[in-house]
Amino acid sequence: MDKLTIDQFIKNAVAEDLGDGDHTSLSTIPANAQGKAKLLIKEDGIVAGVELALQIFNHIDPRLIVEVFIKDGAPVKYGDIVLTVSGSTHSILLAERLVLNCMQRMSGIATKTNHVVALLGNYKTKLLDTRKTTPGLRYLEKWAVRIGGGVNHRIGLYDMILIKDNHVDYAGGIANAINSANQYLKDKKKTLDIEIEVRNLSELQEVLKNGNVNRIMLDNFTFADLKEAVKAINGKYITEASGGITEENVAEYAACGVDFISMGALTHSVKSLDMSLKAF
């Protein structure tokens, strides 16, 4: 966990919610009231965000006492209690929505990821996320992918060179894009992997002729072309399949022999897992 990133996220999220005060709690509950609450699962899935919840509770009120019964990555079912929290009622109520929003979203992503990973069965192929994340929540969403058994692709624009179709077109072709990227790394004295996206077997041959990349993304390939591409690459470069991959066809893509499959759906359109924080 990147504590600096998490601390900044929590600080911003609390400020967004709190404004000049929680006037509902202030007007209805005595300032010194003490209470207890339990985080209750209302839908089967994989839980994620427990560690984050601990950080949220601690940020809001270090005196809150949290007891965890189920850890990140564990399967949960309806009626399970993940944790209990006790202490200042005002503090519990302030933390409630932020904890739930984060854990529901993260658990939904972890559940989806875990399901797709299971569909890959015994294939060597690993499941990747993408940059198709909610602005401001990328760290949490990619964290949830890891909890669910997936693998993070690049975190942002800064930790890998990924030459996509628009880059190729703007650069004037595949060779120009690859050569310029390598020269840039040399000039800047940076060490980054280079991945390039290809749209067909013809573009793949250009990449294989040029070389000087670490990974090849095979985008929107048919199964027949994907198998041919993997055979042509012959283990010289890491392979990644992307585009149009769903739960229904992910195993068939893996059977083509690629090293990675990337799915934007892990983060961009996932359903949150239902849960609540109930007083008791």
C-alpha atoms as a PDB file:
ATOM      1  CA  MET A   1       0.000   0.000   0.000  1.00  0.00           C
ATOM      2  CA  ASP A   2       1.282   3.441  -0.982  1.00  0.00           C
ATOM      3  CA  LYS A   3       0.500   5.266   2.253  1.00  0.00           C
ATOM      4  CA  LEU A   4       1.165   8.744   0.875  1.00  0.00           C
ATOM      5  CA  THR A   5      -1.300   8.185  -1.970  1.00  0.00           C
ATOM      6  CA  ILE A   6      -3.886   6.689   0.373  1.00  0.00           C
ATOM      7  CA  ASP A   7      -3.534   9.443   2.963  1.00  0.00           C
ATOM      8  CA  GLN A   8      -4.034  12.127   0.300  1.00  0.00           C
ATOM      9  CA  PHE A   9      -7.041  10.304  -1.126  1.00  0.00           C
ATOM     10  CA  ILE A  10      -8.689   9.996   2.290  1.00  0.00           C
ATOM     11  CA  LYS A  11      -7.986  13.634   3.145  1.00  0.00           C
ATOM     12  CA  ASN A  12      -9.579  14.823  -0.102  1.00  0.00           C
ATOM     13  CA  ALA A  13     -12.540  12.468   0.170  1.00  0.00           C
ATOM     14  CA  VAL A  14     -13.344  13.484   3.760  1.00  0.00           C
ATOM     15  CA  ALA A  15     -13.083  17.181   2.874  1.00  0.00           C
ATOM     16  CA  GLU A  16     -15.419  16.678  -0.086  1.00  0.00           C
ATOM     17  CA  ASP A  17     -18.033  15.004   2.117  1.00  0.00           C
ATOM     18  CA  LEU A  18     -17.729  16.997   5.329  1.00  0.00           C
ATOM     19  CA  GLY A  19     -17.728  20.602   4.151  1.00  0.00           C
ATOM     20  CA  ASP A  20     -18.366  22.798   7.206  1.00  0.00           C
ATOM     21  CA  GLY A  21     -19.764  19.942   9.273  1.00  0.00           C
ATOM     22  CA  ASP A  22     -21.998  16.867   9.446  1.00  0.00           C
ATOM     23  CA  HIS A  23     -25.045  18.873  10.449  1.00  0.00           C
ATOM     24  CA  THR A  24     -27.351  15.838  10.605  1.00  0.00           C
ATOM     25  CA  SER A  25     -25.231  14.115  13.226  1.00  0.00           C
ATOM     26  CA  LEU A  26     -24.450  17.365  15.023  1.00  0.00           C
ATOM     27  CA  SER A  27     -28.138  18.224  15.310  1.00  0.00           C
ATOM     28  CA  THR A  28     -29.460  14.804  16.338  1.00  0.00           C
ATOM     29  CA  ILE A  29     -26.781  13.001  18.354  1.00  0.00           C
ATOM     30  CA  PRO A  30     -24.955  14.200  21.506  1.00  0.00           C
ATOM     31  CA  ALA A  31     -21.321  15.066  20.855  1.00  0.00           C
ATOM     32  CA  ASN A  32     -20.054  12.521  23.395  1.00  0.00           C
ATOM     33  CA  ALA A  33     -22.273   9.626  22.224  1.00  0.00           C
ATOM     34  CA  GLN A  34     -20.567   6.247  21.826  1.00  0.00           C
ATOM     35  CA  GLY A  35     -21.686   3.484  19.510  1.00  0.00           C
ATOM     36  CA  LYS A  36     -20.878   0.287  17.620  1.00  0.00           C
ATOM     37  CA  ALA A  37     -21.423  -0.753  14.015  1.00  0.00           C
ATOM     38  CA  LYS A  38     -20.815  -3.851  11.917  1.00  0.00           C
ATOM     39  CA  LEU A  39     -19.934  -4.041   8.237  1.00  0.00           C
ATOM     40  CA  LEU A  40     -22.461  -6.485   6.842  1.00  0.00           C
ATOM     41  CA  ILE A  41     -22.151  -8.289   3.499  1.00  0.00           C
ATOM     42  CA  LYS A  42     -25.393  -8.434   1.502  1.00  0.00           C
ATOM     43  CA  GLU A  43     -24.141 -10.201  -1.632  1.00  0.00           C
ATOM     44  CA  ASP A  44     -21.747 -13.088  -2.335  1.00  0.00           C
ATOM     45  CA  GLY A  45     -18.345 -12.140  -3.737  1.00  0.00           C
ATOM     46  CA  ILE A  46     -14.719 -11.316  -2.926  1.00  0.00           C
ATOM     47  CA  VAL A  47     -14.124  -8.659  -0.288  1.00  0.00           C
ATOM     48  CA  ALA A  48     -11.633  -5.859  -0.944  1.00  0.00           C
ATOM     49  CA  GLY A  49     -10.837  -2.572   0.743  1.00  0.00           C
ATOM     50  CA  VAL A  50     -10.576  -3.825   4.332  1.00  0.00           C
ATOM     51  CA  GLU A  51      -7.060  -2.470   4.714  1.00  0.00           C
ATOM     52  CA  LEU A  52      -8.206   0.824   3.238  1.00  0.00           C
ATOM     53  CA  ALA A  53     -11.150   0.954   5.645  1.00  0.00           C
ATOM     54  CA  LEU A  54      -8.736   0.651   8.558  1.00  0.00           C
ATOM     55  CA  GLN A  55      -6.840   3.658   7.238  1.00  0.00           C
ATOM     56  CA  ILE A  56     -10.063   5.653   6.838  1.00  0.00           C
ATOM     57  CA  PHE A  57     -11.245   4.916  10.370  1.00  0.00           C
ATOM     58  CA  ASN A  58      -7.839   5.801  11.765  1.00  0.00           C
ATOM     59  CA  HIS A  59      -7.661   9.043   9.794  1.00  0.00           C
ATOM     60  CA  ILE A  60     -11.075  10.170  10.990  1.00  0.00           C
ATOM     61  CA  ASP A  61     -10.582   9.143  14.600  1.00  0.00           C
ATOM     62  CA  PRO A  62      -7.551   7.196  15.880  1.00  0.00           C
ATOM     63  CA  ARG A  63      -9.543   6.316  19.002  1.00  0.00           C
ATOM     64  CA  LEU A  64     -11.992   4.156  17.051  1.00  0.00           C
ATOM     65  CA  ILE A  65     -11.577   0.455  17.790  1.00  0.00           C
ATOM     66  CA  VAL A  66     -11.869  -1.783  14.731  1.00  0.00           C
ATOM     67  CA  GLU A  67     -11.982  -5.568  14.881  1.00  0.00           C
ATOM     68  CA  VAL A  68     -11.492  -7.349  11.535  1.00  0.00           C
ATOM     69  CA  PHE A  69     -12.980 -10.810  10.963  1.00  0.00           C
ATOM     70  CA  ILE A  70     -12.488 -11.190   7.194  1.00  0.00           C
ATOM     71  CA  LYS A  71      -9.410  -9.983   5.309  1.00  0.00           C
ATOM     72  CA  ASP A  72      -8.952  -8.645   1.790  1.00  0.00           C
ATOM     73  CA  GLY A  73      -9.242 -11.275  -0.933  1.00  0.00           C
ATOM     74  CA  ALA A  74     -11.440 -13.666   1.044  1.00  0.00           C
ATOM     75  CA  PRO A  75     -14.720 -14.992  -0.372  1.00  0.00           C
ATOM     76  CA  VAL A  76     -17.781 -13.640   1.429  1.00  0.00           C
ATOM     77  CA  LYS A  77     -21.443 -14.535   1.423  1.00  0.00           C
ATOM     78  CA  TYR A  78     -24.679 -12.842   2.389  1.00  0.00           C
ATOM     79  CA  GLY A  79     -24.806 -12.167   6.132  1.00  0.00           C
ATOM     80  CA  ASP A  80     -21.055 -12.243   6.775  1.00  0.00           C
ATOM     81  CA  ILE A  81     -19.643  -9.587   9.106  1.00  0.00           C
ATOM     82  CA  VAL A  82     -16.329  -8.243   7.811  1.00  0.00           C
ATOM     83  CA  LEU A  83     -15.509  -5.970  10.734  1.00  0.00           C
ATOM     84  CA  THR A  84     -16.922  -4.090  13.673  1.00  0.00           C
ATOM     85  CA  VAL A  85     -16.079  -0.561  14.750  1.00  0.00           C
ATOM     86  CA  SER A  86     -16.741   1.088  18.098  1.00  0.00           C
ATOM     87  CA  GLY A  87     -16.174   4.520  19.557  1.00  0.00           C
ATOM     88  CA  SER A  88     -17.490   8.004  18.866  1.00  0.00           C
ATOM     89  CA  THR A  89     -20.831   7.792  17.069  1.00  0.00           C
ATOM     90  CA  HIS A  90     -20.054  10.992  15.182  1.00  0.00           C
ATOM     91  CA  SER A  91     -16.780   9.522  13.932  1.00  0.00           C
ATOM     92  CA  ILE A  92     -18.436   6.270  12.845  1.00  0.00           C
ATOM     93  CA  LEU A  93     -21.087   8.173  10.910  1.00  0.00           C
ATOM     94  CA  LEU A  94     -18.494  10.371   9.231  1.00  0.00           C
ATOM     95  CA  ALA A  95     -16.507   7.327   8.120  1.00  0.00           C
ATOM     96  CA  GLU A  96     -19.531   5.268   7.080  1.00  0.00           C
ATOM     97  CA  ARG A  97     -20.150   6.424   3.513  1.00  0.00           C
ATOM     98  CA  LEU A  98     -16.499   6.723   2.530  1.00  0.00           C
ATOM     99  CA  VAL A  99     -15.753   3.224   3.814  1.00  0.00           C
ATOM    100  CA  LEU A 100     -18.770   1.781   2.015  1.00  0.00           C
ATOM    101  CA  ASN A 101     -18.206   3.626  -1.256  1.00  0.00           C
ATOM    102  CA  CYS A 102     -14.612   2.405  -1.412  1.00  0.00           C
ATOM    103  CA  MET A 103     -15.217  -1.146  -0.242  1.00  0.00           C
ATOM    104  CA  GLN A 104     -18.273  -1.698  -2.436  1.00  0.00           C
ATOM    105  CA  ARG A 105     -16.405  -0.496  -5.525  1.00  0.00           C
ATOM    106  CA  MET A 106     -13.211  -2.370  -4.717  1.00  0.00           C
ATOM    107  CA  SER A 107     -15.069  -5.567  -3.808  1.00  0.00           C
ATOM    108  CA  GLY A 108     -17.029  -5.418  -7.059  1.00  0.00           C
ATOM    109  CA  ILE A 109     -13.776  -5.170  -9.020  1.00  0.00           C
ATOM    110  CA  ALA A 110     -12.108  -7.929  -6.992  1.00  0.00           C
ATOM    111  CA  THR A 111     -15.143 -10.183  -7.476  1.00  0.00           C
ATOM    112  CA  LYS A 112     -15.219  -9.612 -11.239  1.00  0.00           C
ATOM    113  CA  THR A 113     -11.462 -10.116 -11.532  1.00  0.00           C
ATOM    114  CA  ASN A 114     -11.541 -13.297  -9.466  1.00  0.00           C
ATOM    115  CA  HIS A 115     -14.312 -14.693 -11.658  1.00  0.00           C
ATOM    116  CA  VAL A 116     -12.429 -14.018 -14.894  1.00  0.00           C
ATOM    117  CA  VAL A 117      -9.174 -15.419 -13.475  1.00  0.00           C
ATOM    118  CA  ALA A 118     -11.062 -18.618 -12.659  1.00  0.00           C
ATOM    119  CA  LEU A 119     -12.307 -18.791 -16.263  1.00  0.00           C
ATOM    120  CA  LEU A 120      -8.697 -18.830 -17.457  1.00  0.00           C
ATOM    121  CA  GLY A 121      -8.340 -22.191 -15.724  1.00  0.00           C
ATOM    122  CA  ASN A 122      -4.977 -23.859 -16.220  1.00  0.00           C
ATOM    123  CA  TYR A 123      -3.847 -21.648 -19.087  1.00  0.00           C
ATOM    124  CA  LYS A 124      -0.581 -19.757 -18.552  1.00  0.00           C
ATOM    125  CA  THR A 125      -2.313 -16.496 -19.512  1.00  0.00           C
ATOM    126  CA  LYS A 126      -2.535 -13.795 -16.847  1.00  0.00           C
ATOM    127  CA  LEU A 127      -5.273 -11.177 -16.599  1.00  0.00           C
ATOM    128  CA  LEU A 128      -4.361  -7.485 -16.894  1.00  0.00           C
ATOM    129  CA  ASP A 129      -6.260  -4.318 -16.079  1.00  0.00           C
ATOM    130  CA  THR A 130      -6.060  -1.102 -18.147  1.00  0.00           C
ATOM    131  CA  ARG A 131      -6.094   2.685 -17.683  1.00  0.00           C
ATOM    132  CA  LYS A 132      -9.884   2.648 -18.096  1.00  0.00           C
ATOM    133  CA  THR A 133     -10.358   3.614 -14.471  1.00  0.00           C
ATOM    134  CA  THR A 134     -12.372   6.218 -12.554  1.00  0.00           C
ATOM    135  CA  PRO A 135     -10.381   9.491 -12.381  1.00  0.00           C
ATOM    136  CA  GLY A 136      -8.962   9.877  -8.882  1.00  0.00           C
ATOM    137  CA  LEU A 137      -9.656   6.242  -7.984  1.00  0.00           C
ATOM    138  CA  ARG A 138      -7.107   4.465 -10.184  1.00  0.00           C
ATOM    139  CA  TYR A 139      -4.885   3.399  -7.305  1.00  0.00           C
ATOM    140  CA  LEU A 140      -7.813   1.853  -5.429  1.00  0.00           C
ATOM    141  CA  GLU A 141      -9.242   0.148  -8.505  1.00  0.00           C
ATOM    142  CA  LYS A 142      -5.931  -1.364  -9.536  1.00  0.00           C
ATOM    143  CA  TRP A 143      -5.369  -2.440  -5.930  1.00  0.00           C
ATOM    144  CA  ALA A 144      -8.692  -4.257  -6.103  1.00  0.00           C
ATOM    145  CA  VAL A 145      -7.628  -6.017  -9.317  1.00  0.00           C
ATOM    146  CA  ARG A 146      -4.574  -7.382  -7.501  1.00  0.00           C
ATOM    147  CA  ILE A 147      -6.725  -8.512  -4.583  1.00  0.00           C
ATOM    148  CA  GLY A 148      -8.949 -10.367  -7.049  1.00  0.00           C
ATOM    149  CA  GLY A 149      -5.999 -12.237  -8.542  1.00  0.00           C
ATOM    150  CA  GLY A 150      -5.302 -10.057 -11.574  1.00  0.00           C
ATOM    151  CA  VAL A 151      -2.122  -8.238 -12.595  1.00  0.00           C
ATOM    152  CA  ASN A 152      -1.649  -4.507 -12.956  1.00  0.00           C
ATOM    153  CA  HIS A 153      -0.597  -3.183 -16.340  1.00  0.00           C
ATOM    154  CA  ARG A 154       1.083   0.228 -16.285  1.00  0.00           C
ATOM    155  CA  ILE A 155      -0.219   2.545 -13.573  1.00  0.00           C
ATOM    156  CA  GLY A 156      -0.191   5.635 -15.775  1.00  0.00           C
ATOM    157  CA  LEU A 157       1.513   7.296 -18.700  1.00  0.00           C
ATOM    158  CA  TYR A 158       4.802   7.517 -16.830  1.00  0.00           C
ATOM    159  CA  ASP A 159       5.828   3.928 -16.051  1.00  0.00           C
ATOM    160  CA  MET A 160       5.821   2.320 -19.516  1.00  0.00           C
ATOM    161  CA  ILE A 161       5.922   3.347 -23.149  1.00  0.00           C
ATOM    162  CA  LEU A 162       2.804   1.953 -24.823  1.00  0.00           C
ATOM    163  CA  ILE A 163       2.724   2.820 -28.522  1.00  0.00           C
ATOM    164  CA  LYS A 164      -0.900   2.553 -29.637  1.00  0.00           C
ATOM    165  CA  ASP A 165      -2.530   3.005 -33.039  1.00  0.00           C
ATOM    166  CA  ASN A 166      -2.800   6.793 -32.773  1.00  0.00           C
ATOM    167  CA  HIS A 167       0.857   7.076 -31.767  1.00  0.00           C
ATOM    168  CA  VAL A 168       1.854   4.984 -34.785  1.00  0.00           C
ATOM    169  CA  ASP A 169      -0.284   7.056 -37.140  1.00  0.00           C
ATOM    170  CA  TYR A 170       0.951  10.389 -35.752  1.00  0.00           C
ATOM    171  CA  ALA A 171       4.578   9.207 -35.761  1.00  0.00           C
ATOM    172  CA  GLY A 172       4.436   8.222 -39.418  1.00  0.00           C
ATOM    173  CA  GLY A 173       4.557   4.462 -39.044  1.00  0.00           C
ATOM    174  CA  ILE A 174       5.639   1.621 -36.821  1.00  0.00           C
ATOM    175  CA  ALA A 175       9.380   1.863 -37.438  1.00  0.00           C
ATOM    176  CA  ASN A 176       9.398   5.607 -36.794  1.00  0.00           C
ATOM    177  CA  ALA A 177       7.448   5.179 -33.548  1.00  0.00           C
ATOM    178  CA  ILE A 178       9.664   2.385 -32.198  1.00  0.00           C
ATOM    179  CA  ASN A 179      12.935   4.030 -33.169  1.00  0.00           C
ATOM    180  CA  SER A 180      11.862   7.384 -31.734  1.00  0.00           C
ATOM    181  CA  ALA A 181      10.788   5.750 -28.468  1.00  0.00           C
ATOM    182  CA  ASN A 182      14.147   4.021 -28.074  1.00  0.00           C
ATOM    183  CA  GLN A 183      16.046   7.198 -28.880  1.00  0.00           C
ATOM    184  CA  TYR A 184      13.938   9.096 -26.342  1.00  0.00           C
ATOM    185  CA  LEU A 185      14.803   6.603 -23.590  1.00  0.00           C
ATOM    186  CA  LYS A 186      18.467   6.831 -24.491  1.00  0.00           C
ATOM    187  CA  ASP A 187      18.436  10.638 -24.516  1.00  0.00           C
ATOM    188  CA  LYS A 188      16.542  10.872 -21.229  1.00  0.00           C
ATOM    189  CA  LYS A 189      18.556   8.066 -19.635  1.00  0.00           C
ATOM    190  CA  LYS A 190      15.344   6.317 -18.648  1.00  0.00           C
ATOM    191  CA  THR A 191      14.681   2.598 -18.339  1.00  0.00           C
ATOM    192  CA  LEU A 192      11.113   1.769 -19.369  1.00  0.00           C
ATOM    193  CA  ASP A 193       9.605  -1.201 -21.169  1.00  0.00           C
ATOM    194  CA  ILE A 194       8.250  -0.524 -24.641  1.00  0.00           C
ATOM    195  CA  GLU A 195       5.013  -2.120 -25.764  1.00  0.00           C
ATOM    196  CA  ILE A 196       3.470  -1.615 -29.192  1.00  0.00           C
ATOM    197  CA  GLU A 197      -0.062  -2.285 -30.360  1.00  0.00           C
ATOM    198  CA  VAL A 198      -0.587  -3.954 -33.731  1.00  0.00           C
ATOM    199  CA  ARG A 199      -3.905  -4.189 -35.566  1.00  0.00           C
ATOM    200  CA  ASN A 200      -3.176  -7.000 -38.006  1.00  0.00           C
ATOM    201  CA  LEU A 201      -0.583  -9.554 -39.100  1.00  0.00           C
ATOM    202  CA  SER A 202       0.974  -7.112 -41.549  1.00  0.00           C
ATOM    203  CA  GLU A 203       1.751  -4.633 -38.761  1.00  0.00           C
ATOM    204  CA  LEU A 204       3.063  -7.504 -36.647  1.00  0.00           C
ATOM    205  CA  GLN A 205       5.582  -8.356 -39.361  1.00  0.00           C
ATOM    206  CA  GLU A 206       6.783  -4.733 -39.336  1.00  0.00           C
ATOM    207  CA  VAL A 207       7.366  -4.937 -35.590  1.00  0.00           C
ATOM    208  CA  LEU A 208       9.158  -8.276 -35.849  1.00  0.00           C
ATOM    209  CA  LYS A 209      11.372  -6.870 -38.601  1.00  0.00           C
ATOM    210  CA  ASN A 210      12.226  -3.781 -36.531  1.00  0.00           C
ATOM    211  CA  GLY A 211      12.479  -5.301 -33.038  1.00  0.00           C
ATOM    212  CA  ASN A 212      13.525  -3.122 -30.085  1.00  0.00           C
ATOM    213  CA  VAL A 213      10.318  -3.632 -28.069  1.00  0.00           C
ATOM    214  CA  ASN A 214       9.496  -5.709 -24.990  1.00  0.00           C
ATOM    215  CA  ARG A 215       5.839  -6.529 -25.522  1.00  0.00           C
ATOM    216  CA  ILE A 216       3.408  -6.731 -28.421  1.00  0.00           C
ATOM    217  CA  MET A 217      -0.294  -6.005 -27.966  1.00  0.00           C
ATOM    218  CA  LEU A 218      -2.451  -7.874 -30.461  1.00  0.00           C
ATOM    219  CA  ASP A 219      -5.590  -5.772 -30.691  1.00  0.00           C
ATOM    220  CA  ASN A 220      -8.926  -7.096 -31.957  1.00  0.00           C
ATOM    221  CA  PHE A 221      -7.385 -10.141 -33.635  1.00  0.00           C
ATOM    222  CA  THR A 222      -9.522 -13.080 -34.713  1.00  0.00           C
ATOM    223  CA  PHE A 223      -8.709 -16.337 -32.974  1.00  0.00           C
ATOM    224  CA  ALA A 224      -7.096 -17.706 -36.137  1.00  0.00           C
ATOM    225  CA  ASP A 225      -4.911 -14.617 -36.585  1.00  0.00           C
ATOM    226  CA  LEU A 226      -4.048 -14.550 -32.896  1.00  0.00           C
ATOM    227  CA  LYS A 227      -2.763 -18.123 -33.029  1.00  0.00           C
ATOM    228  CA  GLU A 228      -0.740 -17.283 -36.124  1.00  0.00           C
ATOM    229  CA  ALA A 229       0.643 -14.172 -34.429  1.00  0.00           C
ATOM    230  CA  VAL A 230       1.739 -16.073 -31.308  1.00  0.00           C
ATOM    231  CA  LYS A 231       3.428 -18.653 -33.531  1.00  0.00           C
ATOM    232  CA  ALA A 232       5.240 -15.925 -35.487  1.00  0.00           C
ATOM    233  CA  ILE A 233       6.413 -14.160 -32.326  1.00  0.00           C
ATOM    234  CA  ASN A 234       7.672 -17.525 -31.055  1.00  0.00           C
ATOM    235  CA  GLY A 235       8.426 -16.367 -27.528  1.00  0.00           C
ATOM    236  CA  LYS A 236      10.710 -13.511 -28.579  1.00  0.00           C
ATOM    237  CA  TYR A 237       8.406 -10.918 -27.050  1.00  0.00           C
ATOM    238  CA  ILE A 238       5.742 -10.876 -24.368  1.00  0.00           C
ATOM    239  CA  THR A 239       2.302 -11.107 -25.966  1.00  0.00           C
ATOM    240  CA  GLU A 240      -0.921  -9.408 -24.913  1.00  0.00           C
ATOM    241  CA  ALA A 241      -4.384  -9.825 -26.417  1.00  0.00           C
ATOM    242  CA  SER A 242      -6.873  -6.972 -26.128  1.00  0.00           C
ATOM    243  CA  GLY A 243     -10.106  -5.704 -27.607  1.00  0.00           C
ATOM    244  CA  GLY A 244     -13.531  -7.323 -27.510  1.00  0.00           C
ATOM    245  CA  ILE A 245     -12.615  -9.784 -24.770  1.00  0.00           C
ATOM    246  CA  THR A 246     -15.480 -10.840 -22.520  1.00  0.00           C
ATOM    247  CA  GLU A 247     -16.210 -13.463 -19.903  1.00  0.00           C
ATOM    248  CA  GLU A 248     -17.767 -15.584 -22.646  1.00  0.00           C
ATOM    249  CA  ASN A 249     -14.666 -15.710 -24.853  1.00  0.00           C
ATOM    250  CA  VAL A 250     -11.741 -15.078 -22.497  1.00  0.00           C
ATOM    251  CA  ALA A 251     -10.814 -18.775 -22.238  1.00  0.00           C
ATOM    252  CA  GLU A 252     -10.725 -19.075 -26.029  1.00  0.00           C
ATOM    253  CA  TYR A 253      -8.331 -16.128 -26.196  1.00  0.00           C
ATOM    254  CA  ALA A 254      -6.129 -17.754 -23.545  1.00  0.00           C
ATOM    255  CA  ALA A 255      -6.118 -20.981 -25.572  1.00  0.00           C
ATOM    256  CA  CYS A 256      -4.381 -19.065 -28.361  1.00  0.00           C
ATOM    257  CA  GLY A 257      -1.251 -18.979 -26.201  1.00  0.00           C
ATOM    258  CA  VAL A 258      -0.884 -15.305 -25.286  1.00  0.00           C
ATOM    259  CA  ASP A 259       0.946 -14.338 -22.104  1.00  0.00           C
ATOM    260  CA  PHE A 260      -1.568 -11.684 -21.045  1.00  0.00           C
ATOM    261  CA  ILE A 261      -5.156 -10.678 -21.690  1.00  0.00           C
ATOM    262  CA  SER A 262      -6.215  -7.118 -20.875  1.00  0.00           C
ATOM    263  CA  MET A 263      -9.826  -6.267 -20.025  1.00  0.00           C
ATOM    264  CA  GLY A 264     -11.050  -2.721 -19.455  1.00  0.00           C
ATOM    265  CA  ALA A 265     -14.320  -4.130 -18.132  1.00  0.00           C
ATOM    266  CA  LEU A 266     -12.593  -5.092 -14.879  1.00  0.00           C
ATOM    267  CA  THR A 267     -12.753  -1.440 -13.828  1.00  0.00           C
ATOM    268  CA  HIS A 268     -14.822   0.664 -16.217  1.00  0.00           C
ATOM    269  CA  SER A 269     -18.222  -0.992 -15.907  1.00  0.00           C
ATOM    270  CA  VAL A 270     -18.148  -3.248 -12.887  1.00  0.00           C
ATOM    271  CA  LYS A 271     -21.073  -3.666 -10.476  1.00  0.00           C
ATOM    272  CA  SER A 272     -20.355  -2.764  -6.854  1.00  0.00           C
ATOM    273  CA  LEU A 273     -20.783  -5.434  -4.200  1.00  0.00           C
ATOM    274  CA  ASP A 274     -23.675  -4.746  -1.848  1.00  0.00           C
ATOM    275  CA  MET A 275     -22.832  -4.188   1.816  1.00  0.00           C
ATOM    276  CA  SER A 276     -23.848  -1.881   4.665  1.00  0.00           C
ATOM    277  CA  LEU A 277     -22.572  -0.502   7.971  1.00  0.00           C
ATOM    278  CA  LYS A 278     -25.232  -1.152  10.603  1.00  0.00           C
ATOM    279  CA  ALA A 279     -25.431   0.092  14.175  1.00  0.00           C
ATOM    280  CA  PHE A 280     -25.864  -2.583  16.837  1.00  0.00           C
END
